[in-house]
Amino acid sequence: MKLQIFTGILLPLILVAAFLTQSAAADEPSWYPYVLARGNDRAVIKNKPMHERPYRPMHFYGNTIRRNYHRGFAPPLPRDWFRSATVVLSR
């Protein structure tokens, strides 16, 4: 009975939702397929600003900077670091 409800009602709804949703238009850079840049690609990547470089597997810092830039999150200010440290120390 539960399987019939899933295949009869929920499965078509999931498929419709999957095809009707729009992808995010943040214009984020694409993924570079290798962990280590190869050949001339290394020089090209190094000469670009951090937020324009392609995402790369295992490059957590750079990928985080790019995501925050393209999704509109501002980097923390020095006062934010100070506030968080005072909260931790007060506990």
PDB file of N, CA and C in Angstrom:
ATOM      1  N   MET A   1       0.827  -1.195   0.000  1.00  0.00           N
ATOM      2  CA  MET A   1       0.000   0.000   0.000  1.00  0.00           C
ATOM      3  C   MET A   1       0.871   1.258   0.000  1.00  0.00           C
ATOM      4  N   LYS A   2       1.882   1.293   0.884  1.00  0.00           N
ATOM      5  CA  LYS A   2       2.736   2.473   0.952  1.00  0.00           C
ATOM      6  C   LYS A   2       3.556   2.633  -0.321  1.00  0.00           C
ATOM      7  N   LEU A   3       3.985   1.534  -0.917  1.00  0.00           N
ATOM      8  CA  LEU A   3       4.750   1.604  -2.148  1.00  0.00           C
ATOM      9  C   LEU A   3       3.900   2.150  -3.289  1.00  0.00           C
ATOM     10  N   GLN A   4       2.630   1.783  -3.320  1.00  0.00           N
ATOM     11  CA  GLN A   4       1.729   2.291  -4.352  1.00  0.00           C
ATOM     12  C   GLN A   4       1.520   3.795  -4.217  1.00  0.00           C
ATOM     13  N   ILE A   5       1.429   4.274  -2.985  1.00  0.00           N
ATOM     14  CA  ILE A   5       1.266   5.716  -2.774  1.00  0.00           C
ATOM     15  C   ILE A   5       2.508   6.444  -3.248  1.00  0.00           C
ATOM     16  N   PHE A   6       3.678   5.889  -2.937  1.00  0.00           N
ATOM     17  CA  PHE A   6       4.930   6.523  -3.350  1.00  0.00           C
ATOM     18  C   PHE A   6       5.045   6.578  -4.867  1.00  0.00           C
ATOM     19  N   THR A   7       4.828   5.456  -5.533  1.00  0.00           N
ATOM     20  CA  THR A   7       4.988   5.432  -6.986  1.00  0.00           C
ATOM     21  C   THR A   7       3.838   6.151  -7.693  1.00  0.00           C
ATOM     22  N   GLY A   8       2.683   6.219  -7.073  1.00  0.00           N
ATOM     23  CA  GLY A   8       1.535   6.854  -7.717  1.00  0.00           C
ATOM     24  C   GLY A   8       1.485   8.357  -7.541  1.00  0.00           C
ATOM     25  N   ILE A   9       1.926   8.860  -6.398  1.00  0.00           N
ATOM     26  CA  ILE A   9       1.768  10.286  -6.117  1.00  0.00           C
ATOM     27  C   ILE A   9       3.117  10.982  -5.942  1.00  0.00           C
ATOM     28  N   LEU A  10       3.931  10.478  -5.041  1.00  0.00           N
ATOM     29  CA  LEU A  10       5.157  11.185  -4.692  1.00  0.00           C
ATOM     30  C   LEU A  10       6.213  11.151  -5.794  1.00  0.00           C
ATOM     31  N   LEU A  11       6.379  10.036  -6.441  1.00  0.00           N
ATOM     32  CA  LEU A  11       7.397   9.929  -7.480  1.00  0.00           C
ATOM     33  C   LEU A  11       7.150  10.915  -8.624  1.00  0.00           C
ATOM     34  N   PRO A  12       5.940  11.017  -9.162  1.00  0.00           N
ATOM     35  CA  PRO A  12       5.720  12.030 -10.212  1.00  0.00           C
ATOM     36  C   PRO A  12       5.939  13.465  -9.712  1.00  0.00           C
ATOM     37  N   LEU A  13       5.555  13.743  -8.466  1.00  0.00           N
ATOM     38  CA  LEU A  13       5.784  15.083  -7.926  1.00  0.00           C
ATOM     39  C   LEU A  13       7.268  15.392  -7.811  1.00  0.00           C
ATOM     40  N   ILE A  14       8.046  14.425  -7.384  1.00  0.00           N
ATOM     41  CA  ILE A  14       9.494  14.619  -7.279  1.00  0.00           C
ATOM     42  C   ILE A  14      10.103  14.856  -8.651  1.00  0.00           C
ATOM     43  N   LEU A  15       9.672  14.103  -9.644  1.00  0.00           N
ATOM     44  CA  LEU A  15      10.202  14.274 -10.995  1.00  0.00           C
ATOM     45  C   LEU A  15       9.823  15.636 -11.577  1.00  0.00           C
ATOM     46  N   VAL A  16       8.598  16.073 -11.363  1.00  0.00           N
ATOM     47  CA  VAL A  16       8.171  17.382 -11.854  1.00  0.00           C
ATOM     48  C   VAL A  16       8.982  18.480 -11.175  1.00  0.00           C
ATOM     49  N   ALA A  17       9.167  18.375  -9.859  1.00  0.00           N
ATOM     50  CA  ALA A  17       9.941  19.384  -9.133  1.00  0.00           C
ATOM     51  C   ALA A  17      11.383  19.413  -9.610  1.00  0.00           C
ATOM     52  N   ALA A  18      11.938  18.263  -9.928  1.00  0.00           N
ATOM     53  CA  ALA A  18      13.327  18.198 -10.374  1.00  0.00           C
ATOM     54  C   ALA A  18      13.516  18.869 -11.733  1.00  0.00           C
ATOM     55  N   PHE A  19      12.542  18.760 -12.614  1.00  0.00           N
ATOM     56  CA  PHE A  19      12.689  19.321 -13.954  1.00  0.00           C
ATOM     57  C   PHE A  19      12.214  20.769 -14.055  1.00  0.00           C
ATOM     58  N   LEU A  20      11.398  21.227 -13.140  1.00  0.00           N
ATOM     59  CA  LEU A  20      10.882  22.588 -13.217  1.00  0.00           C
ATOM     60  C   LEU A  20      11.688  23.594 -12.403  1.00  0.00           C
ATOM     61  N   THR A  21      12.557  23.126 -11.555  1.00  0.00           N
ATOM     62  CA  THR A  21      13.358  24.054 -10.758  1.00  0.00           C
ATOM     63  C   THR A  21      14.447  24.658 -11.616  1.00  0.00           C
ATOM     64  N   GLN A  22      14.824  25.892 -11.306  1.00  0.00           N
ATOM     65  CA  GLN A  22      15.884  26.575 -12.040  1.00  0.00           C
ATOM     66  C   GLN A  22      17.178  26.473 -11.255  1.00  0.00           C
ATOM     67  N   SER A  23      18.261  26.414 -11.977  1.00  0.00           N
ATOM     68  CA  SER A  23      19.553  26.373 -11.304  1.00  0.00           C
ATOM     69  C   SER A  23      19.926  27.780 -10.859  1.00  0.00           C
ATOM     70  N   ALA A  24      20.798  27.866  -9.872  1.00  0.00           N
ATOM     71  CA  ALA A  24      21.237  29.163  -9.368  1.00  0.00           C
ATOM     72  C   ALA A  24      22.062  29.880 -10.432  1.00  0.00           C
ATOM     73  N   ALA A  25      21.843  31.158 -10.560  1.00  0.00           N
ATOM     74  CA  ALA A  25      22.541  31.954 -11.571  1.00  0.00           C
ATOM     75  C   ALA A  25      23.585  32.836 -10.906  1.00  0.00           C
ATOM     76  N   ALA A  26      24.461  32.234 -10.130  1.00  0.00           N
ATOM     77  CA  ALA A  26      25.473  33.006  -9.412  1.00  0.00           C
ATOM     78  C   ALA A  26      26.725  33.203 -10.246  1.00  0.00           C
ATOM     79  N   ASP A  27      26.784  32.608 -11.427  1.00  0.00           N
ATOM     80  CA  ASP A  27      27.956  32.691 -12.293  1.00  0.00           C
ATOM     81  C   ASP A  27      29.231  32.283 -11.570  1.00  0.00           C
ATOM     82  N   GLU A  28      29.145  31.219 -10.826  1.00  0.00           N
ATOM     83  CA  GLU A  28      30.320  30.713 -10.137  1.00  0.00           C
ATOM     84  C   GLU A  28      31.233  30.035 -11.143  1.00  0.00           C
ATOM     85  N   PRO A  29      32.530  30.045 -10.879  1.00  0.00           N
ATOM     86  CA  PRO A  29      33.452  29.391 -11.816  1.00  0.00           C
ATOM     87  C   PRO A  29      33.246  27.878 -11.828  1.00  0.00           C
ATOM     88  N   SER A  30      33.635  27.276 -12.918  1.00  0.00           N
ATOM     89  CA  SER A  30      33.464  25.827 -13.039  1.00  0.00           C
ATOM     90  C   SER A  30      34.570  25.100 -12.277  1.00  0.00           C
ATOM     91  N   TRP A  31      34.455  23.792 -12.229  1.00  0.00           N
ATOM     92  CA  TRP A  31      35.448  22.980 -11.514  1.00  0.00           C
ATOM     93  C   TRP A  31      36.610  22.657 -12.438  1.00  0.00           C
ATOM     94  N   TYR A  32      37.812  22.764 -11.908  1.00  0.00           N
ATOM     95  CA  TYR A  32      39.020  22.318 -12.599  1.00  0.00           C
ATOM     96  C   TYR A  32      39.143  20.827 -12.295  1.00  0.00           C
ATOM     97  N   PRO A  33      39.386  19.982 -13.278  1.00  0.00           N
ATOM     98  CA  PRO A  33      39.294  18.538 -13.044  1.00  0.00           C
ATOM     99  C   PRO A  33      40.438  17.907 -12.245  1.00  0.00           C
ATOM    100  N   TYR A  34      41.511  18.640 -11.983  1.00  0.00           N
ATOM    101  CA  TYR A  34      42.660  18.036 -11.314  1.00  0.00           C
ATOM    102  C   TYR A  34      42.960  18.756 -10.003  1.00  0.00           C
ATOM    103  N   VAL A  35      43.495  18.028  -9.041  1.00  0.00           N
ATOM    104  CA  VAL A  35      43.895  18.624  -7.773  1.00  0.00           C
ATOM    105  C   VAL A  35      45.086  19.544  -7.984  1.00  0.00           C
ATOM    106  N   LEU A  36      46.063  19.089  -8.727  1.00  0.00           N
ATOM    107  CA  LEU A  36      47.245  19.889  -9.039  1.00  0.00           C
ATOM    108  C   LEU A  36      47.112  20.433 -10.455  1.00  0.00           C
ATOM    109  N   ALA A  37      47.307  21.743 -10.595  1.00  0.00           N
ATOM    110  CA  ALA A  37      47.229  22.355 -11.925  1.00  0.00           C
ATOM    111  C   ALA A  37      48.355  21.819 -12.795  1.00  0.00           C
ATOM    112  N   ARG A  38      48.044  21.629 -14.053  1.00  0.00           N
ATOM    113  CA  ARG A  38      49.014  21.031 -14.974  1.00  0.00           C
ATOM    114  C   ARG A  38      49.525  22.056 -15.978  1.00  0.00           C
ATOM    115  N   GLY A  39      50.802  22.012 -16.263  1.00  0.00           N
ATOM    116  CA  GLY A  39      51.422  22.793 -17.326  1.00  0.00           C
ATOM    117  C   GLY A  39      51.141  24.283 -17.252  1.00  0.00           C
ATOM    118  N   ASN A  40      50.694  24.827 -18.369  1.00  0.00           N
ATOM    119  CA  ASN A  40      50.436  26.253 -18.484  1.00  0.00           C
ATOM    120  C   ASN A  40      49.235  26.682 -17.641  1.00  0.00           C
ATOM    121  N   ASP A  41      48.349  25.738 -17.295  1.00  0.00           N
ATOM    122  CA  ASP A  41      47.180  26.067 -16.485  1.00  0.00           C
ATOM    123  C   ASP A  41      47.580  26.661 -15.141  1.00  0.00           C
ATOM    124  N   ARG A  42      48.684  26.211 -14.590  1.00  0.00           N
ATOM    125  CA  ARG A  42      49.127  26.709 -13.287  1.00  0.00           C
ATOM    126  C   ARG A  42      49.391  28.207 -13.337  1.00  0.00           C
ATOM    127  N   ALA A  43      50.089  28.670 -14.362  1.00  0.00           N
ATOM    128  CA  ALA A  43      50.389  30.099 -14.498  1.00  0.00           C
ATOM    129  C   ALA A  43      49.116  30.903 -14.739  1.00  0.00           C
ATOM    130  N   VAL A  44      48.208  30.364 -15.537  1.00  0.00           N
ATOM    131  CA  VAL A  44      46.950  31.059 -15.821  1.00  0.00           C
ATOM    132  C   VAL A  44      46.126  31.199 -14.544  1.00  0.00           C
ATOM    133  N   ILE A  45      46.041  30.141 -13.754  1.00  0.00           N
ATOM    134  CA  ILE A  45      45.268  30.169 -12.514  1.00  0.00           C
ATOM    135  C   ILE A  45      45.889  31.137 -11.515  1.00  0.00           C
ATOM    136  N   LYS A  46      47.207  31.120 -11.389  1.00  0.00           N
ATOM    137  CA  LYS A  46      47.890  31.998 -10.423  1.00  0.00           C
ATOM    138  C   LYS A  46      47.712  33.478 -10.762  1.00  0.00           C
ATOM    139  N   ASN A  47      47.546  33.817 -12.051  1.00  0.00           N
ATOM    140  CA  ASN A  47      47.413  35.210 -12.456  1.00  0.00           C
ATOM    141  C   ASN A  47      45.991  35.749 -12.333  1.00  0.00           C
ATOM    142  N   LYS A  48      45.021  34.911 -12.031  1.00  0.00           N
ATOM    143  CA  LYS A  48      43.644  35.357 -11.867  1.00  0.00           C
ATOM    144  C   LYS A  48      43.386  35.744 -10.416  1.00  0.00           C
ATOM    145  N   PRO A  49      42.462  36.678 -10.187  1.00  0.00           N
ATOM    146  CA  PRO A  49      42.063  36.964  -8.802  1.00  0.00           C
ATOM    147  C   PRO A  49      41.433  35.711  -8.185  1.00  0.00           C
ATOM    148  N   MET A  50      41.485  35.603  -6.872  1.00  0.00           N
ATOM    149  CA  MET A  50      41.015  34.394  -6.183  1.00  0.00           C
ATOM    150  C   MET A  50      39.572  34.050  -6.544  1.00  0.00           C
ATOM    151  N   HIS A  51      38.695  35.048  -6.621  1.00  0.00           N
ATOM    152  CA  HIS A  51      37.278  34.754  -6.850  1.00  0.00           C
ATOM    153  C   HIS A  51      36.967  34.365  -8.293  1.00  0.00           C
ATOM    154  N   GLU A  52      37.915  34.529  -9.220  1.00  0.00           N
ATOM    155  CA  GLU A  52      37.698  34.128 -10.609  1.00  0.00           C
ATOM    156  C   GLU A  52      38.357  32.799 -10.953  1.00  0.00           C
ATOM    157  N   ARG A  53      39.154  32.272 -10.057  1.00  0.00           N
ATOM    158  CA  ARG A  53      39.815  30.994 -10.317  1.00  0.00           C
ATOM    159  C   ARG A  53      38.792  29.874 -10.301  1.00  0.00           C
ATOM    160  N   PRO A  54      39.064  28.776 -11.005  1.00  0.00           N
ATOM    161  CA  PRO A  54      38.113  27.658 -10.976  1.00  0.00           C
ATOM    162  C   PRO A  54      38.176  26.939  -9.626  1.00  0.00           C
ATOM    163  N   TYR A  55      37.051  26.315  -9.269  1.00  0.00           N
ATOM    164  CA  TYR A  55      37.052  25.467  -8.082  1.00  0.00           C
ATOM    165  C   TYR A  55      37.974  24.284  -8.343  1.00  0.00           C
ATOM    166  N   ARG A  56      38.661  23.824  -7.295  1.00  0.00           N
ATOM    167  CA  ARG A  56      39.565  22.701  -7.446  1.00  0.00           C
ATOM    168  C   ARG A  56      39.351  21.727  -6.305  1.00  0.00           C
ATOM    169  N   PRO A  57      39.349  20.432  -6.580  1.00  0.00           N
ATOM    170  CA  PRO A  57      39.172  19.451  -5.517  1.00  0.00           C
ATOM    171  C   PRO A  57      40.272  19.585  -4.463  1.00  0.00           C
ATOM    172  N   MET A  58      39.904  19.463  -3.199  1.00  0.00           N
ATOM    173  CA  MET A  58      40.809  19.477  -2.056  1.00  0.00           C
ATOM    174  C   MET A  58      41.405  20.857  -1.765  1.00  0.00           C
ATOM    175  N   HIS A  59      40.959  21.910  -2.419  1.00  0.00           N
ATOM    176  CA  HIS A  59      41.441  23.267  -2.162  1.00  0.00           C
ATOM    177  C   HIS A  59      40.366  23.995  -1.358  1.00  0.00           C
ATOM    178  N   PHE A  60      40.302  23.666  -0.071  1.00  0.00           N
ATOM    179  CA  PHE A  60      39.204  24.117   0.778  1.00  0.00           C
ATOM    180  C   PHE A  60      39.201  25.627   0.987  1.00  0.00           C
ATOM    181  N   TYR A  61      40.355  26.217   1.218  1.00  0.00           N
ATOM    182  CA  TYR A  61      40.410  27.660   1.472  1.00  0.00           C
ATOM    183  C   TYR A  61      39.956  28.455   0.247  1.00  0.00           C
ATOM    184  N   GLY A  62      40.544  28.166  -0.898  1.00  0.00           N
ATOM    185  CA  GLY A  62      40.185  28.892  -2.117  1.00  0.00           C
ATOM    186  C   GLY A  62      38.734  28.676  -2.505  1.00  0.00           C
ATOM    187  N   ASN A  63      38.245  27.452  -2.397  1.00  0.00           N
ATOM    188  CA  ASN A  63      36.851  27.176  -2.732  1.00  0.00           C
ATOM    189  C   ASN A  63      35.903  27.913  -1.797  1.00  0.00           C
ATOM    190  N   THR A  64      36.255  28.017  -0.514  1.00  0.00           N
ATOM    191  CA  THR A  64      35.418  28.738   0.443  1.00  0.00           C
ATOM    192  C   THR A  64      35.389  30.224   0.108  1.00  0.00           C
ATOM    193  N   ILE A  65      36.535  30.798  -0.227  1.00  0.00           N
ATOM    194  CA  ILE A  65      36.595  32.211  -0.607  1.00  0.00           C
ATOM    195  C   ILE A  65      35.705  32.460  -1.825  1.00  0.00           C
ATOM    196  N   ARG A  66      35.787  31.601  -2.827  1.00  0.00           N
ATOM    197  CA  ARG A  66      34.979  31.769  -4.037  1.00  0.00           C
ATOM    198  C   ARG A  66      33.493  31.637  -3.745  1.00  0.00           C
ATOM    199  N   ARG A  67      33.112  30.644  -2.951  1.00  0.00           N
ATOM    200  CA  ARG A  67      31.693  30.484  -2.624  1.00  0.00           C
ATOM    201  C   ARG A  67      31.144  31.699  -1.893  1.00  0.00           C
ATOM    202  N   ASN A  68      31.882  32.172  -0.914  1.00  0.00           N
ATOM    203  CA  ASN A  68      31.434  33.347  -0.173  1.00  0.00           C
ATOM    204  C   ASN A  68      31.327  34.566  -1.077  1.00  0.00           C
ATOM    205  N   TYR A  69      32.250  34.724  -1.994  1.00  0.00           N
ATOM    206  CA  TYR A  69      32.214  35.862  -2.902  1.00  0.00           C
ATOM    207  C   TYR A  69      30.996  35.790  -3.815  1.00  0.00           C
ATOM    208  N   HIS A  70      30.776  34.637  -4.433  1.00  0.00           N
ATOM    209  CA  HIS A  70      29.706  34.512  -5.412  1.00  0.00           C
ATOM    210  C   HIS A  70      28.328  34.427  -4.775  1.00  0.00           C
ATOM    211  N   ARG A  71      28.241  34.021  -3.535  1.00  0.00           N
ATOM    212  CA  ARG A  71      26.937  33.924  -2.862  1.00  0.00           C
ATOM    213  C   ARG A  71      26.626  35.145  -2.010  1.00  0.00           C
ATOM    214  N   GLY A  72      27.545  36.100  -1.962  1.00  0.00           N
ATOM    215  CA  GLY A  72      27.267  37.357  -1.312  1.00  0.00           C
ATOM    216  C   GLY A  72      27.546  37.420   0.176  1.00  0.00           C
ATOM    217  N   PHE A  73      28.320  36.500   0.719  1.00  0.00           N
ATOM    218  CA  PHE A  73      28.672  36.561   2.135  1.00  0.00           C
ATOM    219  C   PHE A  73      29.913  37.428   2.303  1.00  0.00           C
ATOM    220  N   ALA A  74      29.816  38.399   3.172  1.00  0.00           N
ATOM    221  CA  ALA A  74      30.967  39.259   3.418  1.00  0.00           C
ATOM    222  C   ALA A  74      31.956  38.551   4.327  1.00  0.00           C
ATOM    223  N   PRO A  75      33.252  38.781   4.126  1.00  0.00           N
ATOM    224  CA  PRO A  75      34.235  38.176   5.037  1.00  0.00           C
ATOM    225  C   PRO A  75      34.112  38.807   6.428  1.00  0.00           C
ATOM    226  N   PRO A  76      34.433  38.074   7.477  1.00  0.00           N
ATOM    227  CA  PRO A  76      34.310  38.637   8.821  1.00  0.00           C
ATOM    228  C   PRO A  76      35.298  39.787   9.039  1.00  0.00           C
ATOM    229  N   LEU A  77      34.828  40.794   9.748  1.00  0.00           N
ATOM    230  CA  LEU A  77      35.662  41.939  10.083  1.00  0.00           C
ATOM    231  C   LEU A  77      36.475  41.629  11.339  1.00  0.00           C
ATOM    232  N   PRO A  78      37.539  42.381  11.603  1.00  0.00           N
ATOM    233  CA  PRO A  78      38.316  42.138  12.826  1.00  0.00           C
ATOM    234  C   PRO A  78      37.468  42.209  14.100  1.00  0.00           C
ATOM    235  N   ARG A  79      36.478  43.099  14.122  1.00  0.00           N
ATOM    236  CA  ARG A  79      35.622  43.182  15.312  1.00  0.00           C
ATOM    237  C   ARG A  79      34.817  41.898  15.518  1.00  0.00           C
ATOM    238  N   ASP A  80      34.467  41.203  14.425  1.00  0.00           N
ATOM    239  CA  ASP A  80      33.749  39.934  14.546  1.00  0.00           C
ATOM    240  C   ASP A  80      34.625  38.881  15.216  1.00  0.00           C
ATOM    241  N   TRP A  81      35.905  38.858  14.865  1.00  0.00           N
ATOM    242  CA  TRP A  81      36.830  37.923  15.495  1.00  0.00           C
ATOM    243  C   TRP A  81      36.971  38.238  16.985  1.00  0.00           C
ATOM    244  N   PHE A  82      37.042  39.521  17.308  1.00  0.00           N
ATOM    245  CA  PHE A  82      37.179  39.933  18.698  1.00  0.00           C
ATOM    246  C   PHE A  82      35.946  39.551  19.515  1.00  0.00           C
ATOM    247  N   ARG A  83      34.771  39.785  18.933  1.00  0.00           N
ATOM    248  CA  ARG A  83      33.522  39.436  19.627  1.00  0.00           C
ATOM    249  C   ARG A  83      33.414  37.944  19.878  1.00  0.00           C
ATOM    250  N   SER A  84      33.774  37.144  18.871  1.00  0.00           N
ATOM    251  CA  SER A  84      33.678  35.699  19.060  1.00  0.00           C
ATOM    252  C   SER A  84      34.670  35.211  20.108  1.00  0.00           C
ATOM    253  N   ALA A  85      35.856  35.824  20.155  1.00  0.00           N
ATOM    254  CA  ALA A  85      36.846  35.430  21.166  1.00  0.00           C
ATOM    255  C   ALA A  85      36.376  35.805  22.565  1.00  0.00           C
ATOM    256  N   THR A  86      35.728  36.951  22.712  1.00  0.00           N
ATOM    257  CA  THR A  86      35.259  37.350  24.057  1.00  0.00           C
ATOM    258  C   THR A  86      34.118  36.452  24.526  1.00  0.00           C
ATOM    259  N   VAL A  87      33.294  35.989  23.597  1.00  0.00           N
ATOM    260  CA  VAL A  87      32.212  35.070  23.978  1.00  0.00           C
ATOM    261  C   VAL A  87      32.786  33.736  24.448  1.00  0.00           C
ATOM    262  N   VAL A  88      33.778  33.234  23.735  1.00  0.00           N
ATOM    263  CA  VAL A  88      34.394  31.962  24.126  1.00  0.00           C
ATOM    264  C   VAL A  88      35.088  32.097  25.467  1.00  0.00           C
ATOM    265  N   LEU A  89      35.793  33.194  25.685  1.00  0.00           N
ATOM    266  CA  LEU A  89      36.506  33.389  26.940  1.00  0.00           C
ATOM    267  C   LEU A  89      35.562  33.638  28.118  1.00  0.00           C
ATOM    268  N   SER A  90      34.409  34.235  27.865  1.00  0.00           N
ATOM    269  CA  SER A  90      33.476  34.511  28.967  1.00  0.00           C
ATOM    270  C   SER A  90      32.791  33.250  29.462  1.00  0.00           C
ATOM    271  N   ARG A  91      32.764  32.216  28.664  1.00  0.00           N
ATOM    272  CA  ARG A  91      32.129  30.958  29.085  1.00  0.00           C
ATOM    273  C   ARG A  91      33.080  30.231  29.962  1.00  0.00           C
TER     274      ARG A  91
END
